[in-house]
C-alpha atoms as a PDB file:
ATOM      1  CA  MET A   1     -14.294  -3.114  -9.879  1.00  0.00           C
ATOM      2  CA  LEU A   2     -12.266  -4.797  -7.149  1.00  0.00           C
ATOM      3  CA  TYR A   3     -10.666  -3.152  -4.139  1.00  0.00           C
ATOM      4  CA  GLU A   4      -7.521  -4.267  -2.386  1.00  0.00           C
ATOM      5  CA  LEU A   5      -7.312  -3.603   1.324  1.00  0.00           C
ATOM      6  CA  ARG A   6      -3.678  -3.502   2.449  1.00  0.00           C
ATOM      7  CA  ILE A   7      -2.712  -3.275   6.121  1.00  0.00           C
ATOM      8  CA  TYR A   8       0.899  -2.598   7.061  1.00  0.00           C
ATOM      9  CA  GLU A   9       1.968  -3.098  10.660  1.00  0.00           C
ATOM     10  CA  ALA A  10       5.100  -0.996  11.138  1.00  0.00           C
ATOM     11  CA  LEU A  11       7.781  -1.953  13.580  1.00  0.00           C
ATOM     12  CA  PRO A  12       7.794   0.237  16.720  1.00  0.00           C
ATOM     13  CA  GLY A  13       8.961   3.742  15.890  1.00  0.00           C
ATOM     14  CA  ARG A  14       9.043   3.093  12.118  1.00  0.00           C
ATOM     15  CA  LEU A  15       5.582   4.346  11.085  1.00  0.00           C
ATOM     16  CA  PRO A  16       6.803   7.897  10.302  1.00  0.00           C
ATOM     17  CA  ARG A  17       9.468   6.495   7.980  1.00  0.00           C
ATOM     18  CA  LEU A  18       6.907   4.206   6.329  1.00  0.00           C
ATOM     19  CA  GLN A  19       4.607   7.175   5.715  1.00  0.00           C
ATOM     20  CA  GLN A  20       7.516   9.139   4.274  1.00  0.00           C
ATOM     21  CA  ARG A  21       8.318   6.264   1.906  1.00  0.00           C
ATOM     22  CA  PHE A  22       4.721   6.282   0.669  1.00  0.00           C
ATOM     23  CA  SER A  23       4.430  10.034   0.203  1.00  0.00           C
ATOM     24  CA  GLU A  24       7.850  10.541  -1.398  1.00  0.00           C
ATOM     25  CA  ASP A  25       8.501   7.283  -3.256  1.00  0.00           C
ATOM     26  CA  ALA A  26       5.537   4.928  -3.619  1.00  0.00           C
ATOM     27  CA  LEU A  27       2.806   7.406  -4.602  1.00  0.00           C
ATOM     28  CA  PRO A  28       4.670   8.894  -7.583  1.00  0.00           C
ATOM     29  CA  LEU A  29       5.452   5.367  -8.768  1.00  0.00           C
ATOM     30  CA  PHE A  30       1.846   4.278  -8.245  1.00  0.00           C
ATOM     31  CA  ALA A  31       0.848   7.087 -10.623  1.00  0.00           C
ATOM     32  CA  GLN A  32       3.455   6.034 -13.199  1.00  0.00           C
ATOM     33  CA  HIS A  33       2.213   2.444 -13.096  1.00  0.00           C
ATOM     34  CA  GLY A  34      -1.493   3.331 -13.206  1.00  0.00           C
ATOM     35  CA  ILE A  35      -2.155   2.137  -9.651  1.00  0.00           C
ATOM     36  CA  ARG A  36      -5.194   3.948  -8.236  1.00  0.00           C
ATOM     37  CA  PRO A  37      -5.228   4.548  -4.476  1.00  0.00           C
ATOM     38  CA  VAL A  38      -8.661   5.130  -2.927  1.00  0.00           C
ATOM     39  CA  GLY A  39      -7.308   6.351   0.414  1.00  0.00           C
ATOM     40  CA  PHE A  40      -4.761   5.947   3.194  1.00  0.00           C
ATOM     41  CA  TRP A  41      -5.372   5.809   6.940  1.00  0.00           C
ATOM     42  CA  THR A  42      -3.449   5.383  10.163  1.00  0.00           C
ATOM     43  CA  THR A  43      -5.076   3.799  13.170  1.00  0.00           C
ATOM     44  CA  TYR A  44      -6.429   6.374  15.586  1.00  0.00           C
ATOM     45  CA  ILE A  45      -8.064   3.908  17.981  1.00  0.00           C
ATOM     46  CA  GLY A  46      -7.455   0.195  17.706  1.00  0.00           C
ATOM     47  CA  PRO A  47      -5.171  -2.685  18.563  1.00  0.00           C
ATOM     48  CA  SER A  48      -2.029  -0.992  17.173  1.00  0.00           C
ATOM     49  CA  LEU A  49      -1.175   2.625  16.512  1.00  0.00           C
ATOM     50  CA  ASN A  50       1.678   1.443  14.246  1.00  0.00           C
ATOM     51  CA  THR A  51      -0.697   0.569  11.406  1.00  0.00           C
ATOM     52  CA  LEU A  52      -1.017   2.090   7.952  1.00  0.00           C
ATOM     53  CA  THR A  53      -4.084   0.940   6.019  1.00  0.00           C
ATOM     54  CA  TYR A  54      -4.836   1.757   2.415  1.00  0.00           C
ATOM     55  CA  ILE A  55      -7.141   0.718  -0.405  1.00  0.00           C
ATOM     56  CA  LEU A  56      -6.337   0.348  -4.102  1.00  0.00           C
ATOM     57  CA  ALA A  57      -8.904   0.137  -6.910  1.00  0.00           C
ATOM     58  CA  TRP A  58      -8.549  -2.429  -9.711  1.00  0.00           C
ATOM     59  CA  GLU A  59     -10.634  -3.192 -12.776  1.00  0.00           C
ATOM     60  CA  ASP A  60      -9.949  -6.911 -12.341  1.00  0.00           C
ATOM     61  CA  LEU A  61      -7.346  -9.378 -11.064  1.00  0.00           C
ATOM     62  CA  ALA A  62      -5.372  -9.319 -14.319  1.00  0.00           C
ATOM     63  CA  GLU A  63      -4.901  -5.553 -14.046  1.00  0.00           C
ATOM     64  CA  ARG A  64      -3.842  -5.930 -10.436  1.00  0.00           C
ATOM     65  CA  GLN A  65      -1.309  -8.627 -11.279  1.00  0.00           C
ATOM     66  CA  ASN A  66       0.225  -6.720 -14.198  1.00  0.00           C
ATOM     67  CA  ARG A  67       0.427  -3.312 -12.548  1.00  0.00           C
ATOM     68  CA  TRP A  68       1.502  -4.562  -9.105  1.00  0.00           C
ATOM     69  CA  ASP A  69       4.214  -6.801 -10.580  1.00  0.00           C
ATOM     70  CA  ALA A  70       5.536  -3.915 -12.691  1.00  0.00           C
ATOM     71  CA  PHE A  71       5.624  -1.654  -9.619  1.00  0.00           C
ATOM     72  CA  GLN A  72       7.295  -4.275  -7.415  1.00  0.00           C
ATOM     73  CA  ASN A  73      10.010  -4.872 -10.032  1.00  0.00           C
ATOM     74  CA  ASP A  74      10.584  -1.222 -10.934  1.00  0.00           C
ATOM     75  CA  PRO A  75      14.276  -0.394 -10.302  1.00  0.00           C
ATOM     76  CA  THR A  76      13.283   3.009  -8.909  1.00  0.00           C
ATOM     77  CA  TRP A  77      11.013   1.324  -6.342  1.00  0.00           C
ATOM     78  CA  LEU A  78      13.640  -1.279  -5.439  1.00  0.00           C
ATOM     79  CA  ALA A  79      16.206   1.475  -4.833  1.00  0.00           C
ATOM     80  CA  ALA A  80      13.742   3.550  -2.778  1.00  0.00           C
ATOM     81  CA  LYS A  81      12.765   0.531  -0.677  1.00  0.00           C
ATOM     82  CA  GLU A  82      16.404  -0.342  -0.044  1.00  0.00           C
ATOM     83  CA  ARG A  83      17.222   3.262   0.850  1.00  0.00           C
ATOM     84  CA  SER A  84      14.279   3.497   3.272  1.00  0.00           C
ATOM     85  CA  GLU A  85      15.360   0.294   5.030  1.00  0.00           C
ATOM     86  CA  ARG A  86      19.025   1.217   5.353  1.00  0.00           C
ATOM     87  CA  ASP A  87      18.594   1.435   9.147  1.00  0.00           C
ATOM     88  CA  GLY A  88      16.525  -1.767   9.281  1.00  0.00           C
ATOM     89  CA  PRO A  89      13.153  -3.043   8.100  1.00  0.00           C
ATOM     90  CA  LEU A  90      10.031  -0.912   8.460  1.00  0.00           C
ATOM     91  CA  LEU A  91       7.376  -3.630   8.557  1.00  0.00           C
ATOM     92  CA  ALA A  92       6.463  -6.337  11.022  1.00  0.00           C
ATOM     93  CA  ARG A  93       3.496  -7.620   8.987  1.00  0.00           C
ATOM     94  CA  VAL A  94       1.634  -7.033   5.736  1.00  0.00           C
ATOM     95  CA  GLU A  95      -1.931  -8.160   5.084  1.00  0.00           C
ATOM     96  CA  SER A  96      -3.749  -7.948   1.767  1.00  0.00           C
ATOM     97  CA  GLN A  97      -7.365  -8.732   0.905  1.00  0.00           C
ATOM     98  CA  ILE A  98      -9.105  -8.430  -2.456  1.00  0.00           C
ATOM     99  CA  LEU A  99     -12.642  -7.148  -1.882  1.00  0.00           C
ATOM    100  CA  GLN A 100     -15.614  -7.255  -4.216  1.00  0.00           C
ATOM    101  CA  PRO A 101     -18.362  -4.662  -3.683  1.00  0.00           C
ATOM    102  CA  THR A 102     -21.819  -5.858  -2.699  1.00  0.00           C
ATOM    103  CA  ALA A 103     -24.920  -4.797  -4.611  1.00  0.00           C
ATOM    104  CA  TYR A 104     -25.658  -2.261  -1.862  1.00  0.00           C
ATOM    105  CA  SER A 105     -22.136  -0.772  -1.601  1.00  0.00           C
ATOM    106  CA  ALA A 106     -21.655   2.947  -2.227  1.00  0.00           C
ATOM    107  CA  LEU A 107     -18.386   2.048  -3.990  1.00  0.00           C
ATOM    108  CA  LYS A 108     -18.934  -0.168  -7.018  1.00  0.00           C
END
């Protein structure tokens, strides 16, 4: 199992809209495409309170590539993304890391 850590730095004042886009648009599409979220977090204490962090679980890199590409190219997602950014972009920065559990990790 691999885990993808994704960190989205929202533009000032845009985090609520980003969270709305996830809850209303992205999560239903994740389910349709077989994308498995582990959890979602906002920063409570840290360098930026405009941050949404989440983790996705993947069997392997091939699964990640196939499912993520299908999601990114889904016309429903493209329309939702465009609609959510009608008043301007939501994100200042996106970071992604693919993580492999250690032998002593509670998540395998």
